[in-house]
Every structure is written in structure tokens, then in C-alpha cells.
Protein backbone atom coordinates (compact mmCIF):
# COMPACT_ATOMS: atom_id res chain seq x y z
CA MET A 1 0.04 -0.19 -0.35
CA GLN A 2 1.05 3.27 -0.79
CA THR A 3 0.36 6.40 1.71
CA LYS A 4 -0.54 9.57 0.83
CA ARG A 5 1.89 11.10 2.46
CA THR A 6 5.74 10.46 2.09
CA LEU A 7 7.54 10.78 4.40
CA VAL A 8 10.28 10.69 2.73
CA SER A 9 12.06 8.26 0.11
CA ALA A 10 14.49 5.64 0.53
CA ALA A 11 15.95 7.38 -2.18
CA THR A 12 15.86 11.19 -0.24
CA LEU A 13 17.10 9.27 2.86
CA VAL A 14 20.33 7.89 1.51
CA VAL A 15 20.90 11.02 0.44
CA ALA A 16 20.86 13.17 3.36
CA LEU A 17 23.81 11.06 4.74
CA GLY A 18 24.96 12.97 8.02
CA ALA A 19 22.79 15.85 6.90
CA THR A 20 21.51 16.48 10.42
CA SER A 21 20.33 20.24 10.66
CA ALA A 22 19.30 19.95 6.59
CA PHE A 23 17.53 17.01 6.45
CA ALA A 24 15.48 17.85 9.55
CA GLN A 25 14.70 21.56 8.32
CA ASP A 26 13.92 20.46 4.68
CA LEU A 27 12.02 17.24 5.78
CA LEU A 28 10.41 17.66 9.13
CA TYR A 29 6.85 17.95 9.04
CA PRO A 30 5.79 17.41 5.10
CA LYS A 31 2.44 19.02 4.36
CA GLY A 32 -0.31 16.89 3.21
CA ASP A 33 -2.56 14.15 4.01
CA GLY A 34 -0.91 10.69 5.36
CA ASP A 35 -0.74 7.82 7.89
CA PHE A 36 2.68 9.09 10.27
CA SER A 37 1.77 10.27 13.58
CA TRP A 38 2.89 13.71 12.70
CA ASP A 39 0.66 15.08 16.04
CA ALA A 40 2.92 12.81 18.25
CA LEU A 41 6.10 14.93 17.19
CA ASP A 42 4.14 18.18 16.90
CA ALA A 43 3.61 17.57 20.74
CA PHE A 44 6.52 16.24 21.89
CA ALA A 45 8.70 19.14 20.22
CA ALA A 46 5.79 21.62 22.02
CA GLU A 47 7.13 20.35 24.81
CA HIS A 48 10.58 19.61 24.59
CA ASP A 49 13.60 22.55 24.39
CA TYR A 50 16.81 21.50 25.08
CA SER A 51 18.57 24.29 22.58
CA GLY A 52 22.69 24.22 23.25
CA GLU A 53 22.70 20.76 24.55
CA THR A 54 24.48 18.37 22.84
CA MET A 55 24.52 14.09 23.85
CA ASP A 56 26.33 11.38 22.78
CA VAL A 57 24.78 7.86 21.50
CA THR A 58 26.65 5.33 21.20
CA GLY A 59 25.53 1.26 19.85
CA ALA A 60 26.84 -1.89 17.79
CA THR A 61 25.22 -0.17 14.73
CA THR A 62 27.51 0.36 11.61
CA GLY A 63 27.73 1.15 7.99
CA ASP A 64 24.19 1.55 6.50
CA ASP A 65 22.10 1.07 9.58
CA ALA A 66 23.46 3.66 11.19
CA GLN A 67 22.35 5.57 9.13
CA ARG A 68 19.04 5.13 9.30
CA TYR A 69 19.22 5.98 13.25
CA ARG A 70 21.25 9.27 12.39
CA ASN A 71 18.01 10.10 9.72
CA LEU A 72 15.90 9.22 12.98
CA TYR A 73 17.87 11.28 15.45
CA ALA A 74 17.73 13.96 12.95
CA TYR A 75 14.27 14.44 13.72
CA PHE A 76 14.85 14.60 17.41
CA ALA A 77 17.75 17.54 16.97
CA ASP A 78 15.28 19.34 15.17
CA ALA A 79 12.24 19.40 17.29
CA THR A 80 14.45 20.14 20.15
CA GLY A 81 17.54 22.26 19.26
CA ALA A 82 19.64 19.83 20.49
CA THR A 83 22.62 17.98 18.74
CA VAL A 84 22.97 14.09 18.93
CA ASN A 85 26.31 12.54 17.86
CA TYR A 86 25.94 8.87 17.10
CA SER A 87 29.06 6.62 17.03
CA GLY A 88 28.93 2.77 16.23
CA SER A 89 31.11 0.07 17.00
CA GLU A 90 31.93 -3.28 16.12
CA SER A 91 33.73 -3.76 18.73
CA PHE A 92 30.64 -2.16 21.14
CA GLU A 93 30.55 -4.86 23.70
CA GLN A 94 33.96 -4.54 24.83
CA ASP A 95 34.25 -0.31 24.35
CA ILE A 96 31.14 0.22 26.63
CA VAL A 97 32.69 -1.79 29.51
CA ILE A 98 35.97 0.06 29.29
CA ALA A 99 33.93 3.47 29.53
CA GLY A 100 32.22 2.39 32.45
CA GLN A 101 35.24 1.67 34.17
CA ALA A 102 37.44 4.37 32.83
CA GLY A 103 34.81 7.35 32.20
CA GLY A 104 33.85 8.52 29.16
CA LEU A 105 30.42 7.00 28.61
CA PRO A 106 27.97 8.03 26.09
CA ASP A 107 24.52 9.57 27.56
CA VAL A 108 22.69 6.31 25.95
CA ALA A 109 23.80 3.52 24.83
CA LEU A 110 22.38 0.97 22.53
CA PHE A 111 22.83 -2.57 23.64
CA PRO A 112 21.78 -5.26 20.63
CA GLN A 113 20.71 -7.30 23.61
CA PRO A 114 19.69 -6.96 27.30
CA GLY A 115 22.26 -9.25 28.74
CA LEU A 116 25.04 -6.87 28.95
CA ALA A 117 22.74 -4.24 30.18
CA LYS A 118 22.08 -6.46 32.87
CA ASP A 119 25.54 -6.35 33.39
CA LEU A 120 26.34 -2.76 33.72
CA ALA A 121 23.06 -1.74 35.25
CA SER A 122 24.07 -3.69 38.82
CA GLN A 123 27.78 -2.20 38.27
CA GLY A 124 25.78 1.05 38.89
CA VAL A 125 26.90 1.93 35.05
CA LEU A 126 23.59 2.66 34.06
CA VAL A 127 20.30 4.73 35.95
CA PRO A 128 16.93 3.76 35.76
CA VAL A 129 14.41 5.38 33.17
CA ALA A 130 12.91 8.63 34.28
CA ASP A 131 9.48 8.41 36.07
CA SER A 132 8.12 9.37 32.95
CA LEU A 133 9.17 6.29 31.28
CA ASP A 134 8.20 4.15 34.00
CA GLY A 135 5.49 1.92 32.56
CA PHE A 136 5.90 2.63 28.89
CA MET A 137 6.41 -0.40 27.72
CA LEU A 138 3.50 -2.08 29.73
CA ASP A 139 1.03 0.53 28.39
CA ASN A 140 2.15 0.71 24.78
CA TYR A 141 3.79 -2.55 23.68
CA ALA A 142 2.11 -5.61 22.32
CA ALA A 143 3.09 -7.50 25.13
CA GLY A 144 4.52 -5.20 27.35
CA GLU A 145 4.88 -7.09 30.55
CA SER A 146 7.26 -9.30 28.47
CA TRP A 147 9.45 -6.27 27.05
CA ASN A 148 9.02 -4.78 30.55
CA GLN A 149 10.76 -7.80 32.39
CA LEU A 150 13.43 -7.73 30.02
CA ALA A 151 14.15 -4.29 31.17
CA THR A 152 13.86 -4.66 34.38
CA TYR A 153 17.43 -5.43 36.64
CA PRO A 154 18.86 -5.15 40.00
CA GLY A 155 21.10 -1.78 40.18
CA ALA A 156 23.52 -1.44 42.57
CA ASP A 157 21.80 -0.53 45.08
CA GLY A 158 20.22 -4.56 44.62
CA GLU A 159 16.77 -2.96 43.59
CA GLU A 160 15.03 -3.66 40.68
CA ASP A 161 13.85 -0.94 38.19
CA VAL A 162 13.77 -0.45 34.50
CA PHE A 163 16.93 0.04 32.73
CA GLY A 164 16.06 1.42 29.31
CA ILE A 165 13.35 0.88 26.62
CA PHE A 166 13.47 -1.57 23.67
CA PHE A 167 13.68 0.35 20.07
CA GLY A 168 13.44 -2.50 17.20
CA THR A 169 13.46 -6.15 17.05
CA ASP A 170 13.72 -9.13 14.88
CA VAL A 171 11.23 -12.51 15.44
CA LYS A 172 12.36 -15.97 15.03
CA SER A 173 8.78 -18.02 15.40
CA LEU A 174 8.80 -18.01 11.79
CA VAL A 175 8.26 -20.97 8.94
CA TRP A 176 9.27 -19.65 5.37
CA TYR A 177 7.67 -21.19 2.40
CA VAL A 178 6.82 -21.31 -1.21
CA PRO A 179 3.58 -20.47 -1.89
CA GLU A 180 3.29 -21.95 -5.61
CA GLN A 181 4.47 -25.02 -4.14
CA PHE A 182 1.83 -25.51 -1.46
CA GLU A 183 -0.98 -24.21 -3.80
CA GLU A 184 0.39 -26.77 -5.73
CA ALA A 185 0.63 -29.15 -3.96
CA GLY A 186 -2.75 -28.58 -2.34
CA TYR A 187 -1.37 -27.82 1.25
CA ASP A 188 -3.12 -25.43 4.02
CA ILE A 189 -1.05 -23.74 6.17
CA PRO A 190 -1.26 -25.32 9.66
CA GLU A 191 -2.58 -23.33 12.95
CA THR A 192 -1.51 -25.61 15.54
CA GLN A 193 1.64 -27.91 15.95
CA GLU A 194 -0.03 -30.96 15.57
CA GLU A 195 -1.57 -29.55 11.74
CA LEU A 196 2.15 -28.97 11.31
CA MET A 197 3.34 -31.94 12.05
CA ALA A 198 0.30 -33.61 10.57
CA LEU A 199 1.46 -31.72 7.14
CA SER A 200 4.81 -32.59 7.77
CA GLN A 201 3.96 -36.41 7.39
CA GLN A 202 1.71 -36.01 4.36
CA ILE A 203 4.75 -34.13 2.57
CA VAL A 204 6.78 -37.18 3.29
CA ASP A 205 4.10 -39.88 2.34
CA GLU A 206 3.36 -38.32 -0.89
CA GLY A 207 7.05 -38.70 -1.82
CA GLY A 208 8.44 -35.25 -0.54
CA THR A 209 10.82 -33.60 2.16
CA PRO A 210 9.35 -31.61 4.27
CA TRP A 211 12.40 -29.42 6.14
CA CYS A 212 15.53 -27.99 4.99
CA ILE A 213 17.45 -27.11 8.14
CA GLY A 214 20.96 -26.61 8.67
CA LEU A 215 23.19 -25.65 12.12
CA GLY A 216 26.34 -24.74 10.23
CA SER A 217 27.49 -21.08 11.14
CA GLY A 218 31.41 -21.66 11.25
CA ALA A 219 32.64 -21.43 15.35
CA ALA A 220 28.70 -20.72 16.09
CA THR A 221 27.46 -24.11 14.66
CA GLY A 222 24.44 -25.31 16.61
CA TRP A 223 22.62 -22.16 17.33
CA PRO A 224 19.68 -22.61 14.57
CA ALA A 225 18.38 -25.64 16.60
CA THR A 226 18.71 -23.69 20.12
CA ASP A 227 16.03 -21.22 18.39
CA TRP A 228 13.98 -24.39 17.88
CA VAL A 229 14.44 -25.62 21.57
CA GLU A 230 13.46 -22.28 22.82
CA ASP A 231 10.19 -21.72 20.85
CA MET A 232 9.17 -25.07 21.97
CA MET A 233 9.93 -24.64 25.52
CA LEU A 234 7.35 -21.40 25.05
CA ARG A 235 4.91 -23.96 23.13
CA THR A 236 5.17 -26.49 26.11
CA ALA A 237 6.00 -25.28 29.05
CA SER A 238 5.40 -21.47 31.28
CA LEU A 239 6.59 -18.35 31.19
CA GLU A 240 7.36 -18.94 34.76
CA ASP A 241 9.57 -21.94 33.92
CA TYR A 242 11.11 -20.18 30.80
CA ASP A 243 12.64 -17.73 32.79
CA ARG A 244 14.05 -19.96 35.39
CA TRP A 245 15.30 -22.24 32.61
CA VAL A 246 17.50 -19.19 31.34
CA SER A 247 18.54 -18.44 34.66
CA ASN A 248 19.34 -22.29 35.93
CA ASP A 249 16.89 -22.22 38.34
CA LEU A 250 14.83 -24.59 36.50
CA PRO A 251 17.93 -27.12 35.55
CA PHE A 252 18.80 -27.90 32.21
CA ASN A 253 17.87 -31.38 32.78
CA ASP A 254 14.88 -30.89 34.19
CA PRO A 255 11.85 -33.28 31.97
CA ILE A 256 10.52 -30.03 30.98
CA VAL A 257 13.27 -29.02 28.89
CA VAL A 258 14.19 -32.52 27.84
CA ASN A 259 10.89 -32.55 26.30
CA ALA A 260 11.38 -29.29 24.61
CA ILE A 261 14.45 -31.15 23.02
CA GLU A 262 12.43 -34.05 21.92
CA GLN A 263 9.93 -31.91 20.30
CA TYR A 264 12.51 -30.12 18.36
CA GLY A 265 13.85 -33.60 17.41
CA MET A 266 10.15 -35.19 16.53
CA TYR A 267 11.22 -32.73 13.12
CA ALA A 268 14.70 -32.88 12.68
CA LEU A 269 15.14 -36.52 13.55
CA THR A 270 12.10 -38.20 12.14
CA ASP A 271 12.71 -40.56 9.13
CA GLY A 272 12.32 -38.28 5.89
CA PHE A 273 11.40 -35.30 7.47
CA VAL A 274 14.75 -33.24 6.47
CA ASP A 275 16.27 -33.04 3.14
CA GLY A 276 19.73 -35.02 3.23
CA GLY A 277 18.69 -36.27 6.99
CA PRO A 278 20.07 -35.46 10.26
CA ALA A 279 23.96 -35.38 9.68
CA ALA A 280 23.17 -33.24 6.72
CA ALA A 281 21.15 -30.98 8.84
CA ALA A 282 24.15 -30.84 11.37
CA THR A 283 26.87 -30.15 8.70
CA THR A 284 24.72 -27.73 6.74
CA ASP A 285 25.24 -23.59 6.80
CA PHE A 286 22.65 -22.05 8.04
CA ARG A 287 22.74 -19.62 5.20
CA ASP A 288 22.58 -21.93 2.62
CA SER A 289 20.00 -24.22 3.94
CA PRO A 290 16.93 -22.44 2.58
CA ASP A 291 18.00 -23.29 -1.08
CA GLY A 292 16.22 -26.11 -1.16
CA MET A 293 12.96 -24.55 -0.99
CA PHE A 294 13.68 -22.84 -4.24
CA ASP A 295 14.97 -26.08 -6.18
CA PHE A 296 12.27 -27.76 -9.29
CA PRO A 297 11.35 -30.17 -7.56
CA PRO A 298 11.38 -28.51 -4.12
CA ALA A 299 14.04 -30.60 -2.19
CA CYS A 300 12.26 -29.35 0.66
CA TYR A 301 8.65 -27.39 1.42
CA MET A 302 9.46 -25.54 4.49
CA HIS A 303 12.52 -23.59 6.74
CA LYS A 304 12.20 -22.39 10.28
CA GLN A 305 14.32 -19.35 10.47
CA ALA A 306 13.92 -15.88 11.99
CA SER A 307 13.13 -12.57 10.35
CA PHE A 308 16.41 -11.84 8.88
CA ILE A 309 17.26 -15.22 6.57
CA PRO A 310 15.77 -13.08 3.20
CA ILE A 311 18.93 -11.16 3.28
CA PHE A 312 20.60 -15.18 2.17
CA PHE A 313 17.65 -16.67 -0.24
CA PRO A 314 18.89 -16.66 -3.66
CA ASP A 315 19.02 -13.43 -5.24
CA ASP A 316 16.18 -13.84 -7.82
CA VAL A 317 14.35 -14.89 -4.48
CA GLU A 318 12.22 -11.86 -3.56
CA ALA A 319 9.95 -12.19 -0.09
CA GLY A 320 6.88 -11.81 -0.01
CA THR A 321 6.34 -12.78 -3.79
CA ASP A 322 8.55 -15.69 -3.94
CA VAL A 323 8.54 -17.03 -0.41
CA GLU A 324 6.14 -16.14 2.19
CA PHE A 325 6.28 -17.21 5.89
CA PHE A 326 4.08 -18.18 8.84
CA TYR A 327 3.76 -17.62 12.65
CA PHE A 328 5.41 -21.28 14.17
CA PRO A 329 2.19 -22.04 15.84
CA PRO A 330 1.15 -23.24 19.22
CA PHE A 331 0.08 -26.55 20.32
CA GLU A 332 -3.66 -27.11 20.09
CA ALA A 333 -3.29 -29.10 23.45
CA ASN A 334 -1.11 -26.37 24.82
CA GLU A 335 -3.50 -23.14 23.79
CA GLU A 336 -3.69 -21.48 27.40
CA LEU A 337 0.36 -20.68 26.39
CA GLY A 338 -1.28 -18.32 23.81
CA ARG A 339 0.76 -16.99 21.22
CA PRO A 340 4.19 -16.62 22.55
CA VAL A 341 6.89 -15.04 20.22
CA LEU A 342 10.86 -15.09 20.40
CA GLY A 343 13.03 -12.82 19.17
CA SER A 344 15.87 -10.20 19.90
CA GLY A 345 15.91 -6.64 20.37
CA GLY A 346 17.64 -3.89 21.25
CA ILE A 347 17.81 -1.98 23.86
CA ALA A 348 18.53 2.20 24.69
CA SER A 349 19.91 2.95 27.96
CA PRO A 350 20.71 5.86 29.83
CA THR A 351 23.93 6.23 31.77
CA ASN A 352 22.71 9.61 33.81
CA ASP A 353 19.49 11.55 34.12
CA ARG A 354 20.48 14.37 32.41
CA ASP A 355 16.93 16.29 30.75
CA VAL A 356 18.33 15.63 27.48
CA THR A 357 19.06 12.06 27.91
CA THR A 358 15.43 11.62 29.20
CA GLY A 359 13.90 13.57 26.74
CA PHE A 360 15.47 11.63 23.70
CA LEU A 361 14.40 8.10 25.15
CA GLU A 362 10.90 9.36 25.61
CA PHE A 363 11.31 10.75 21.73
CA LEU A 364 11.94 7.17 21.10
CA GLY A 365 9.01 6.08 23.12
CA THR A 366 6.57 8.03 20.27
CA PRO A 367 4.84 6.09 17.41
CA ILE A 368 6.57 8.42 15.56
CA ALA A 369 9.85 7.63 15.85
CA HIS A 370 9.37 3.90 15.38
CA GLU A 371 7.38 4.48 12.26
CA ILE A 372 10.37 6.79 10.73
CA MET A 373 12.30 3.83 11.43
CA MET A 374 9.85 1.58 9.68
CA ALA A 375 9.82 4.12 6.85
CA GLN A 376 13.59 3.43 5.93
CA GLY A 377 12.49 -0.73 5.88
CA GLN A 378 14.32 -3.57 8.16
CA PHE A 379 12.86 -2.30 11.64
CA LEU A 380 10.15 -3.98 13.08
CA SER A 381 8.26 -2.44 16.27
CA PRO A 382 5.83 -3.70 19.18
CA HIS A 383 4.50 -0.37 19.49
CA GLN A 384 0.81 -0.79 19.76
CA ASP A 385 0.32 3.16 18.53
CA ALA A 386 2.67 2.70 15.36
CA ASN A 387 0.81 2.38 11.98
CA LEU A 388 1.76 -0.95 10.38
CA ASP A 389 0.85 0.93 6.87
CA ILE A 390 4.42 2.73 7.07
CA TYR A 391 5.89 -0.30 6.76
CA THR A 392 7.63 -0.97 3.04
CA SER A 393 6.80 -4.13 2.00
CA ASP A 394 3.88 -6.49 2.74
CA VAL A 395 6.08 -8.86 4.54
CA GLN A 396 7.50 -6.48 7.38
CA ARG A 397 3.93 -5.06 8.04
CA ALA A 398 3.37 -9.41 8.56
CA LEU A 399 5.95 -9.58 10.81
CA GLY A 400 5.10 -6.27 12.54
CA GLU A 401 1.29 -8.07 13.02
CA ILE A 402 3.03 -10.96 14.78
CA LEU A 403 4.57 -8.61 17.42
CA THR A 404 1.19 -6.66 17.75
CA THR A 405 -0.46 -9.52 18.01
CA ALA A 406 2.05 -11.62 20.56
CA THR A 407 0.71 -12.44 24.02
CA SER A 408 3.79 -12.49 24.91
CA PHE A 409 7.28 -12.01 23.81
CA ARG A 410 10.47 -13.84 24.90
CA PHE A 411 14.04 -13.32 24.19
CA ASP A 412 16.45 -15.54 22.39
CA GLY A 413 17.08 -17.59 25.78
CA SER A 414 20.89 -18.87 24.49
CA ASP A 415 22.02 -14.80 24.44
CA LEU A 416 20.31 -14.61 27.78
CA MET A 417 22.65 -17.63 29.56
CA PRO A 418 26.12 -16.96 30.45
CA GLY A 419 27.95 -17.51 27.62
CA GLU A 420 29.95 -20.65 28.62
CA ILE A 421 26.36 -21.99 28.58
CA GLY A 422 24.39 -20.19 25.88
CA THR A 423 26.97 -19.67 23.05
CA ASN A 424 29.16 -22.89 24.23
CA ALA A 425 27.51 -25.55 25.62
CA PHE A 426 24.20 -25.48 24.60
CA TRP A 427 25.17 -24.82 20.51
CA THR A 428 27.36 -28.02 20.65
CA GLY A 429 25.09 -30.28 22.60
CA MET A 430 22.17 -29.19 19.86
CA VAL A 431 24.48 -30.38 17.36
CA ASP A 432 25.52 -33.89 19.43
CA TYR A 433 21.88 -34.27 19.93
CA THR A 434 21.31 -34.06 15.98
CA THR A 435 23.81 -36.50 15.04
CA GLY A 436 22.54 -39.22 17.39
CA ALA A 437 23.10 -38.59 21.28
CA ASP A 438 19.82 -38.25 23.43
CA ALA A 439 18.07 -35.92 24.88
CA GLN A 440 18.67 -37.39 28.49
CA SER A 441 22.78 -36.92 28.11
CA VAL A 442 22.72 -34.18 25.80
CA ALA A 443 20.70 -31.84 28.75
CA ASP A 444 22.88 -33.56 31.46
CA ALA A 445 25.98 -32.73 30.13
CA ILE A 446 24.66 -29.22 29.37
CA GLN A 447 23.84 -29.02 33.45
CA ALA A 448 26.52 -29.96 34.68
CA ARG A 449 28.90 -27.55 32.39
CA TRP A 450 26.32 -25.13 34.89
CA GLU A 451 27.27 -26.02 37.70
CA GLU A 452 30.92 -25.95 37.11
CA ILE A 453 30.50 -22.34 36.40
CA GLN A 454 28.18 -21.06 39.10
């Protein structure tokens, strides 16, 4: 759908590289009909004046992605009179720790995932959000309680508080497929895990292969299987159990976790379900694993992967036209667990309580801030007041709808676990399981590693 009023075209955004004040003066408040939440920006500008003030923002985003954020910050600068300096670094995680120890902290740090933010909050490097933002995500985000919980940590005084707001996310609870192949074969989109399993078996019975799976990722081999297990945890166990599992209050070898691993195995290990079988799944690079969907005849019909995977599809494949996705469904038998979404996201956290710092975070909470990012592509938002029509493609819009209709959201569990577990033992354990080890022994081994580091 084309909006009646253009925020700025993609081409204009590219031309506006680095042009903070000129960009804002020329393109802020374009007049005419449209669907952007300009009233929210007008109201924000009327209430915030930081003329002459300068603030620093630091994150892990670089290159073209960083420029999209600079374009956004131009609107804040024009509305308030402040100057915003953004610096991105691929070594952000190390840099922010050093800055916390030696000084030179930015006003706002943009963490690509909340684990490090939690650590720095406990050390007193970060400060809680201002009262004006306390409860913001509860009131404005779909599954707001989940987002608020992900930003709530013990501070240096041991008291729990909210240490930032989430801004932008990825969705992992997705299954990709080729609509033309489904239509020719007469397959319907499954609404439950029971239907998805039945469809998988039907495809096998009719001489096809339902799944392409690839766990290969260099030194990170195994991580795609951890996403399967995390999604299965959210569909077979309570949110409380998921959270307890991530912190090891629920042992990794508890029957609840072993069952989630085995539910992944129902797809990965069943004869005929995976292109090349489990051995191929364990060694195929995750970036190459979707390719079989685009063969003729298809080497597989479905591929479970996050919202970023289209960048690895063949060059002549267009997401939304040649390939689409559906939500990785819940179990009908566990309907009380709702429609959980597994994903990841970035959190903007303050390091001080300057008025301009608070104002900047309040700006990120406005629907127009989310819409400006949505209009530039490659950005998903759970903000309930942001207009989904602003998304630049049907794919982005449908992903946004999954976020805004979710009953709960949980962050990638392995990213929240200690590195020794989440990015080591869990990864390798899933490879072991996929290549023949039983779920209980794998879970026992991972739990033993937990106990060694505690």
C-alpha cells in the first residue's frame, strides 16, 4: 500500500547521509495527507527544548544501518534544538565496558541484547529510566509485560528497576515456504503444531521432504537448533518455567527442558523429514540451508528461521512474492499458553539523568519515532500506536502484525545465558543431539557445565 503522504523516500534518506540539521529543516513536518503520527511529534516538540545541548549515543550499529538511526535522530534534533552525536562500533560490547570503568560514557547506550545491559546496571554504569518512562512499555507495547520484564534488573543497590526501553526487534518464530509449491500440492497453512506435524508427515507420504535445516555457522555451529528448542519451550512450558530455565533455576536436565529438546527432534530426527537427514542438517551452513525450497522439484517445502533470513535467499528470490512465512504455531493441546513470540531486540539505556537524555528516550517512545524507522525498512516494532501501513513491504507489515498480536514475547534464551552455556555448551549439545546423542544425556552434560561455572 502507498501512503498518501511521503515521510521521505528511500532515495532521499540515502541522500541525507549525515545531513542532520539540513535534513530535518527540509523534511520535518512535510505537509499534506498521510498516515504518520505527526501530531505526536508536534506535541513532543512543543514540550521539549534542549537548544544548545549536545548528547552522545553509542551502539553496535554501523554502516547503512547506522545512517538510518542518524536520520531518525535528525528529527529529535530539529524538534528540540539539541545536537546528537552517534557513534557505532563493531566492538561496542568491549568499548562500553571500558568506558564504564574508565569514564567517557555516552548519554545513551544502545545494546543489541539485554544481557550486557543487565550486567552494567548491577555495576552502577546505567541509571534507571525517568519516572515519565516507568511503565511505558507496559502501556504501549504488545506483550508489554514481557518487554518490561526484559528491561528490569537489579541496580547497584540491589533494587530492581527499569533500565531502558526496547527499540526495534527481530522475530524468530517463523516458518518460510514457497506459496506456489504449497498451492500446487494443495497444502494449507497449519494453525497448530499438531497440524504442522501432520503436514510434515503428509509431505513425506506423498514423496516429498518437508524440512530444510542447517545448523552450520562456523564457530557458532548449533545455534539454529537452540532457537527450535526455545520456541518449543514457549509452546510446551509456562513463561515462568522459560525464565527459570534461562537463569538455571529450572535445571537444564529437567524433564520440561528434555521434552522441548525432543519436540525439536520430532522434526529434525524423524525419518524423511529433513533434506539429507540429520547428519546433513548438522553440517549444512544455515545461510545455505533454505536453498532447497527454491529447487525444482523442491528439495524441501519449509524452513524455520528468523526474520533476517531473506538476505541469504538466492538473488532472484523476492520475499513476499516468491517466498512467504507463517507463524510457528502453538500446540492445540497447550492453547492456554497463547501465541508466544521468540525474538531478539535492542535496548536503549541511559547512563545519566540529564534532561536531554530523558527527553531523547521519551522521543524513542513516540509512535512517530518507530514509524520513521519503519519507513526506512529493516525495522520491526511492537509499539501498538505505530501505523503498520508505514512498513515498506507486505513482509515487514506481516512481521509487525505477528509482534503486535503476540500474547507474550521472550528473548532468545541462549543469548541471556552465560556465554559458557548459551554460546558454547548449548550450541554443541544440539549438534550432538542432532547427530545421535539422546536428549537426556545432552541435557545432563549442559547442566553439568552450568554447575561447574556457578
